[in-house]
Amino acid sequence: DEQLDLDDGRWEDIHVVTGALKLFLRELPEPLVPFSHFDKFIAAIKIQDLSLRGRCIRDLVLSLPPAHHDTMKVLFRHLCRVVEHKEENRMSVQSVAIVFGPTLLRPASEESNMAMHMVFQNQVVEHILNHYGYIF
């Protein structure tokens, strides 16, 4: 219910806005990619056949609950626009994936192979960014 004044000077720093978005997403009780889908996305990104991988990830995104799917569509559309300006903001697809991968996809419990998961989490986000038009 809090009314935010986006014209307030504290919102001028893009890092503050991005940090707030990441914090919001990180503090959701369940990530944007629900825990029930985490292992499925990780398995999909490991598929060697690129065509099959693409179809599998698209089908997984389509299988998300409507609120998750719709939020993901809007968020990734925005992130694609961020990537379009990579020359000015230095945020390539890889950079965006590194920043948002662990926030958007995370396992229900932290495990010992967290570093390995992070690589795949980033790859999933990178794939969705690179194939946004096909997926959504």
Protein backbone atom coordinates (compact mmCIF):
# COMPACT_ATOMS: atom_id res chain seq x y z
CA ASP A 1 0.00 0.00 0.00
CA GLU A 2 3.03 2.26 0.12
CA GLN A 3 2.91 5.04 -2.47
CA LEU A 4 6.26 5.49 -4.20
CA ASP A 5 7.27 8.70 -5.87
CA LEU A 6 9.45 7.56 -8.75
CA ASP A 7 10.41 11.19 -9.37
CA ASP A 8 12.19 11.14 -6.01
CA GLY A 9 15.93 11.57 -6.56
CA ARG A 10 16.84 8.33 -4.80
CA TRP A 11 15.43 6.37 -7.75
CA GLU A 12 17.70 8.06 -10.31
CA ASP A 13 20.55 5.61 -9.70
CA ILE A 14 19.80 2.58 -11.88
CA HIS A 15 21.74 0.36 -9.45
CA VAL A 16 19.22 1.20 -6.72
CA VAL A 17 16.30 0.23 -8.96
CA THR A 18 18.00 -2.95 -10.15
CA GLY A 19 18.99 -3.86 -6.61
CA ALA A 20 15.40 -3.36 -5.46
CA LEU A 21 14.11 -5.59 -8.27
CA LYS A 22 16.61 -8.33 -7.49
CA LEU A 23 15.83 -8.10 -3.77
CA PHE A 24 12.09 -8.32 -4.46
CA LEU A 25 12.58 -11.39 -6.65
CA ARG A 26 14.99 -13.01 -4.18
CA GLU A 27 12.60 -12.54 -1.25
CA LEU A 28 9.60 -14.14 -2.94
CA PRO A 29 8.55 -17.24 -0.98
CA GLU A 30 9.06 -19.20 -4.18
CA PRO A 31 11.27 -18.04 -7.06
CA LEU A 32 9.90 -17.00 -10.43
CA VAL A 33 10.76 -20.51 -11.64
CA PRO A 34 8.98 -22.57 -8.97
CA PHE A 35 10.97 -25.10 -6.98
CA SER A 36 8.95 -27.87 -8.66
CA HIS A 37 10.38 -26.81 -12.04
CA PHE A 38 14.00 -26.22 -11.03
CA ASP A 39 15.34 -29.71 -11.81
CA LYS A 40 13.34 -29.83 -15.05
CA PHE A 41 14.93 -26.60 -16.31
CA ILE A 42 18.41 -27.79 -15.29
CA ALA A 43 17.84 -31.09 -17.12
CA ALA A 44 16.53 -29.23 -20.18
CA ILE A 45 19.54 -26.92 -20.48
CA LYS A 46 21.81 -29.97 -20.44
CA ILE A 47 20.16 -31.47 -23.56
CA GLN A 48 22.76 -31.60 -26.32
CA ASP A 49 20.34 -31.45 -29.25
CA LEU A 50 19.74 -27.69 -29.60
CA SER A 51 16.35 -28.03 -31.26
CA LEU A 52 15.09 -30.43 -28.59
CA ARG A 53 16.56 -28.20 -25.85
CA GLY A 54 14.72 -25.19 -27.25
CA ARG A 55 11.39 -26.99 -27.44
CA CYS A 56 11.82 -28.43 -23.96
CA ILE A 57 12.58 -25.05 -22.38
CA ARG A 58 9.70 -23.41 -24.24
CA ASP A 59 7.34 -26.14 -23.04
CA LEU A 60 8.58 -25.73 -19.48
CA VAL A 61 8.00 -21.98 -19.58
CA LEU A 62 4.51 -22.58 -20.97
CA SER A 63 3.83 -25.07 -18.16
CA LEU A 64 4.52 -22.49 -15.44
CA PRO A 65 1.59 -21.25 -13.35
CA PRO A 66 0.00 -18.22 -15.07
CA ALA A 67 1.33 -15.66 -12.58
CA HIS A 68 4.88 -17.01 -12.95
CA HIS A 69 4.64 -17.22 -16.74
CA ASP A 70 3.18 -13.75 -17.17
CA THR A 71 5.69 -12.16 -14.80
CA MET A 72 8.52 -13.95 -16.56
CA LYS A 73 7.30 -12.72 -19.93
CA VAL A 74 7.28 -9.09 -18.81
CA LEU A 75 10.58 -9.35 -16.95
CA PHE A 76 12.41 -11.04 -19.82
CA ARG A 77 10.97 -8.58 -22.33
CA HIS A 78 12.49 -5.81 -20.22
CA LEU A 79 15.80 -7.67 -19.84
CA CYS A 80 15.95 -8.11 -23.61
CA ARG A 81 15.63 -4.32 -23.94
CA VAL A 82 18.46 -3.93 -21.43
CA VAL A 83 20.63 -6.23 -23.57
CA GLU A 84 19.78 -4.21 -26.70
CA HIS A 85 21.70 -1.33 -25.08
CA LYS A 86 24.73 -3.39 -24.08
CA GLU A 87 27.13 -0.96 -25.73
CA GLU A 88 26.06 1.78 -23.32
CA ASN A 89 25.24 -0.23 -20.19
CA ARG A 90 27.76 -3.12 -20.56
CA MET A 91 24.99 -5.61 -19.84
CA SER A 92 25.35 -8.39 -22.39
CA VAL A 93 23.17 -11.48 -22.38
CA GLN A 94 25.84 -13.24 -20.33
CA SER A 95 26.04 -10.40 -17.81
CA VAL A 96 22.27 -10.29 -17.33
CA ALA A 97 22.20 -14.08 -16.94
CA ILE A 98 24.93 -13.97 -14.28
CA VAL A 99 23.06 -11.26 -12.36
CA PHE A 100 19.58 -12.78 -12.56
CA GLY A 101 20.16 -16.54 -12.98
CA PRO A 102 20.56 -17.43 -9.29
CA THR A 103 17.69 -15.11 -8.35
CA LEU A 104 15.14 -16.47 -10.81
CA LEU A 105 15.98 -20.18 -10.53
CA ARG A 106 17.09 -21.71 -7.29
CA PRO A 107 16.71 -25.13 -5.72
CA ALA A 108 14.43 -25.64 -2.73
CA SER A 109 17.46 -26.45 -0.56
CA GLU A 110 21.03 -25.29 -0.88
CA GLU A 111 23.20 -28.20 -1.87
CA SER A 112 26.90 -28.89 -2.11
CA ASN A 113 26.85 -28.60 -5.92
CA MET A 114 25.63 -25.01 -5.77
CA ALA A 115 28.47 -23.76 -7.98
CA MET A 116 27.57 -26.26 -10.69
CA HIS A 117 23.89 -25.30 -10.44
CA MET A 118 24.81 -21.64 -10.85
CA VAL A 119 26.38 -22.35 -14.24
CA PHE A 120 23.20 -24.04 -15.42
CA GLN A 121 20.93 -21.39 -13.84
CA ASN A 122 22.78 -18.74 -15.83
CA GLN A 123 22.55 -20.81 -19.01
CA VAL A 124 18.77 -21.16 -18.62
CA VAL A 125 18.35 -17.38 -18.28
CA GLU A 126 20.72 -16.81 -21.21
CA HIS A 127 18.74 -19.27 -23.33
CA ILE A 128 15.41 -17.60 -22.54
CA LEU A 129 16.87 -14.18 -23.36
CA ASN A 130 18.34 -15.41 -26.65
CA HIS A 131 15.10 -17.14 -27.69
CA TYR A 132 12.52 -14.80 -26.16
CA GLY A 133 10.45 -14.52 -29.36
CA TYR A 134 10.23 -18.29 -29.78
CA ILE A 135 9.45 -18.97 -26.11
CA PHE A 136 6.85 -16.26 -25.58
